[in-house]
């Protein structure tokens, strides 16, 4: 792949730009985007299953252990469960703006500790494509950009899921790059994400 480092940094930069818009969103706008994602997952079952079959067949051909293949596999019921989990996130309270600590200084100045968006949150995870959606919607709910790096063994599935989510949020006025899949399937891309200072604000492995 041509200059993987440049591609990873470009993806992170795009997500960073989108995070500026995200941090200004109100609860209703974020929830509208999440519901659009849930509906889009329901509407694109076949696309997801087809992409997932490529990954599952490749894993089986490599004699991957059955438990890992099972974690990798998405069927219509599992996709429906993922969509419903997104709708559950919509019901959660918006963490942004919550006052978690407050006190008054001796001089009378009132001080508050308030939850704010983090910026760009990079998520690094194994061959569980459901996490691609789970992570994206939780990060989006918190007003931050989601930079996703799943297992290379689930790349086709993750790519399909990400494209569906990006189109869904774009259709309701959010920047597509609020959700970005890190390019590349080898561990080099992970290294570049971890070194993307100034572009990635938090990494959750």
Protein backbone atom coordinates (compact mmCIF):
# COMPACT_ATOMS: atom_id res chain seq x y z
CA UNK A 1 0.00 0.00 0.00
CA UNK A 2 1.32 3.42 -0.98
CA UNK A 3 2.76 5.28 1.98
CA UNK A 4 0.64 3.78 4.73
CA UNK A 5 1.85 6.33 7.26
CA UNK A 6 0.56 9.20 5.12
CA UNK A 7 -2.80 7.47 4.69
CA UNK A 8 -3.19 6.87 8.43
CA UNK A 9 -2.28 10.47 9.28
CA UNK A 10 -4.66 11.73 6.60
CA UNK A 11 -7.46 9.66 8.14
CA UNK A 12 -6.66 10.95 11.63
CA UNK A 13 -6.51 14.54 10.38
CA UNK A 14 -9.90 14.24 8.70
CA UNK A 15 -11.38 12.89 11.92
CA UNK A 16 -9.77 15.73 13.86
CA UNK A 17 -11.36 18.30 11.56
CA UNK A 18 -14.76 16.64 11.98
CA UNK A 19 -14.41 16.64 15.77
CA UNK A 20 -14.59 20.45 15.75
CA UNK A 21 -18.15 20.19 14.46
CA UNK A 22 -19.05 17.31 16.74
CA UNK A 23 -18.15 19.09 19.95
CA UNK A 24 -20.75 21.75 19.16
CA UNK A 25 -23.66 19.35 18.62
CA UNK A 26 -26.64 19.27 20.93
CA UNK A 27 -28.13 16.05 22.26
CA UNK A 28 -30.95 15.95 19.72
CA UNK A 29 -28.54 16.18 16.78
CA UNK A 30 -26.35 13.38 18.12
CA UNK A 31 -29.30 11.13 18.83
CA UNK A 32 -30.71 11.79 15.37
CA UNK A 33 -27.42 10.61 13.88
CA UNK A 34 -27.42 7.47 16.05
CA UNK A 35 -30.96 6.58 15.00
CA UNK A 36 -29.94 7.07 11.38
CA UNK A 37 -27.10 4.59 11.94
CA UNK A 38 -29.45 2.03 13.49
CA UNK A 39 -31.90 2.32 10.60
CA UNK A 40 -29.08 2.10 8.05
CA UNK A 41 -27.80 -1.11 9.60
CA UNK A 42 -31.27 -2.62 9.32
CA UNK A 43 -31.49 -1.50 5.70
CA UNK A 44 -28.10 -2.88 4.69
CA UNK A 45 -28.21 -6.39 6.11
CA UNK A 46 -27.26 -8.04 2.83
CA UNK A 47 -24.29 -5.75 2.22
CA UNK A 48 -22.92 -6.49 5.69
CA UNK A 49 -23.46 -10.26 5.42
CA UNK A 50 -21.72 -10.39 2.02
CA UNK A 51 -18.70 -8.47 3.29
CA UNK A 52 -18.57 -10.56 6.43
CA UNK A 53 -18.59 -13.80 4.45
CA UNK A 54 -15.33 -12.75 2.76
CA UNK A 55 -13.67 -12.36 6.17
CA UNK A 56 -15.17 -15.54 7.61
CA UNK A 57 -14.19 -17.64 4.59
CA UNK A 58 -10.62 -16.28 4.77
CA UNK A 59 -10.43 -17.10 8.49
CA UNK A 60 -11.67 -20.64 7.92
CA UNK A 61 -9.15 -21.12 5.10
CA UNK A 62 -6.39 -20.18 7.54
CA UNK A 63 -7.63 -22.81 10.03
CA UNK A 64 -8.55 -20.13 12.54
CA UNK A 65 -9.94 -21.60 15.74
CA UNK A 66 -13.71 -21.93 15.86
CA UNK A 67 -14.24 -19.51 18.75
CA UNK A 68 -12.53 -16.69 16.84
CA UNK A 69 -14.50 -17.47 13.68
CA UNK A 70 -17.68 -17.29 15.73
CA UNK A 71 -16.73 -13.87 17.13
CA UNK A 72 -16.00 -12.72 13.61
CA UNK A 73 -19.30 -13.92 12.15
CA UNK A 74 -22.27 -11.61 11.65
CA UNK A 75 -25.69 -12.91 10.64
CA UNK A 76 -29.01 -11.13 10.33
CA UNK A 77 -29.91 -11.63 13.98
CA UNK A 78 -26.57 -10.36 15.22
CA UNK A 79 -26.80 -7.31 12.96
CA UNK A 80 -30.32 -6.62 14.24
CA UNK A 81 -28.97 -6.88 17.80
CA UNK A 82 -26.23 -4.38 16.96
CA UNK A 83 -28.80 -1.95 15.55
CA UNK A 84 -30.94 -2.29 18.67
CA UNK A 85 -27.88 -1.68 20.84
CA UNK A 86 -27.41 1.62 18.99
CA UNK A 87 -30.97 2.56 19.87
CA UNK A 88 -30.19 1.76 23.50
CA UNK A 89 -27.33 4.27 23.37
CA UNK A 90 -29.79 6.90 22.19
CA UNK A 91 -31.70 6.40 25.46
CA UNK A 92 -28.59 7.05 27.56
CA UNK A 93 -28.15 10.52 29.07
CA UNK A 94 -25.82 12.85 27.22
CA UNK A 95 -22.57 12.95 29.23
CA UNK A 96 -21.48 16.29 27.76
CA UNK A 97 -22.16 19.27 29.99
CA UNK A 98 -22.64 17.17 33.10
CA UNK A 99 -21.22 18.83 36.21
CA UNK A 100 -19.26 16.16 38.07
CA UNK A 101 -17.72 18.36 40.75
CA UNK A 102 -18.43 21.82 42.07
CA UNK A 103 -17.03 23.93 44.89
CA UNK A 104 -16.60 27.53 45.98
CA UNK A 105 -13.20 29.05 46.72
CA UNK A 106 -12.60 31.20 49.81
CA UNK A 107 -12.80 34.31 47.61
CA UNK A 108 -16.33 33.36 46.53
CA UNK A 109 -15.40 32.08 43.07
CA UNK A 110 -17.54 29.11 42.04
CA UNK A 111 -15.61 26.33 40.28
CA UNK A 112 -17.17 23.52 38.26
CA UNK A 113 -15.67 20.40 36.70
CA UNK A 114 -17.72 19.70 33.57
CA UNK A 115 -17.60 16.80 31.09
CA UNK A 116 -16.49 17.92 27.64
CA UNK A 117 -15.77 16.11 24.33
CA UNK A 118 -12.31 14.52 24.09
CA UNK A 119 -11.63 15.31 20.43
CA UNK A 120 -10.51 12.21 18.49
CA UNK A 121 -10.80 8.85 20.22
CA UNK A 122 -8.88 6.00 18.58
CA UNK A 123 -10.25 2.55 19.34
CA UNK A 124 -8.01 -0.50 18.76
CA UNK A 125 -9.75 -3.86 19.07
CA UNK A 126 -9.80 -7.50 17.98
CA UNK A 127 -11.83 -9.48 15.44
CA UNK A 128 -15.21 -8.43 16.80
CA UNK A 129 -16.90 -6.36 14.08
CA UNK A 130 -19.79 -5.47 16.39
CA UNK A 131 -17.29 -3.30 18.28
CA UNK A 132 -16.92 -1.18 15.14
CA UNK A 133 -20.48 0.02 15.63
CA UNK A 134 -20.47 -0.02 19.44
CA UNK A 135 -17.35 2.11 19.65
CA UNK A 136 -18.42 4.54 16.93
CA UNK A 137 -21.80 5.33 18.48
CA UNK A 138 -20.50 5.68 22.04
CA UNK A 139 -17.78 8.06 20.88
CA UNK A 140 -20.25 9.99 18.74
CA UNK A 141 -22.68 10.25 21.67
CA UNK A 142 -19.87 11.87 23.64
CA UNK A 143 -19.33 14.49 20.92
CA UNK A 144 -15.99 13.15 19.73
CA UNK A 145 -14.60 11.70 16.50
CA UNK A 146 -14.15 7.93 16.25
CA UNK A 147 -10.95 6.61 14.67
CA UNK A 148 -11.46 2.85 14.42
CA UNK A 149 -8.78 0.20 14.05
CA UNK A 150 -10.22 -3.30 14.20
CA UNK A 151 -8.51 -6.57 13.38
CA UNK A 152 -7.24 -7.02 9.85
CA UNK A 153 -9.14 -10.31 9.78
CA UNK A 154 -12.41 -8.34 9.92
CA UNK A 155 -11.37 -5.57 7.55
CA UNK A 156 -14.01 -6.17 4.87
CA UNK A 157 -16.78 -6.27 7.45
CA UNK A 158 -15.47 -3.22 9.26
CA UNK A 159 -15.17 -1.33 5.99
CA UNK A 160 -18.79 -2.10 5.08
CA UNK A 161 -20.04 -1.12 8.55
CA UNK A 162 -18.05 2.10 8.51
CA UNK A 163 -19.28 3.08 5.05
CA UNK A 164 -22.88 2.49 6.13
CA UNK A 165 -22.44 4.59 9.28
CA UNK A 166 -20.65 7.39 7.44
CA UNK A 167 -23.39 7.62 4.83
CA UNK A 168 -26.06 7.56 7.54
CA UNK A 169 -24.64 10.44 9.55
CA UNK A 170 -23.90 12.42 6.39
CA UNK A 171 -27.57 12.12 5.43
CA UNK A 172 -28.56 13.94 8.63
CA UNK A 173 -25.98 16.70 8.26
CA UNK A 174 -22.96 15.43 10.22
CA UNK A 175 -19.50 15.20 8.67
CA UNK A 176 -18.72 11.71 7.36
CA UNK A 177 -15.29 11.87 8.95
CA UNK A 178 -16.82 11.78 12.41
CA UNK A 179 -16.33 8.03 11.91
CA UNK A 180 -13.13 6.88 10.20
CA UNK A 181 -11.68 3.41 9.68
CA UNK A 182 -7.89 3.36 9.88
CA UNK A 183 -6.49 2.18 6.53
CA UNK A 184 -4.29 -0.89 6.42
CA UNK A 185 -4.52 -4.38 7.85
CA UNK A 186 -1.08 -4.91 9.38
CA UNK A 187 0.33 -3.72 12.68
CA UNK A 188 2.22 -0.83 11.09
CA UNK A 189 -0.99 1.17 10.90
CA UNK A 190 -1.46 0.77 14.66
CA UNK A 191 2.01 2.20 15.25
CA UNK A 192 1.20 5.25 13.14
CA UNK A 193 -2.03 5.83 15.05
CA UNK A 194 -0.15 5.68 18.35
CA UNK A 195 2.34 8.25 17.12
CA UNK A 196 -0.21 10.68 15.68
CA UNK A 197 0.38 13.35 18.27
CA UNK A 198 -1.80 16.41 17.81
CA UNK A 199 -4.32 14.42 15.79
CA UNK A 200 -5.39 11.66 18.21
CA UNK A 201 -6.38 12.79 21.70
CA UNK A 202 -7.15 9.45 23.37
CA UNK A 203 -6.29 5.86 22.47
CA UNK A 204 -8.33 3.00 23.92
CA UNK A 205 -6.86 -0.43 23.19
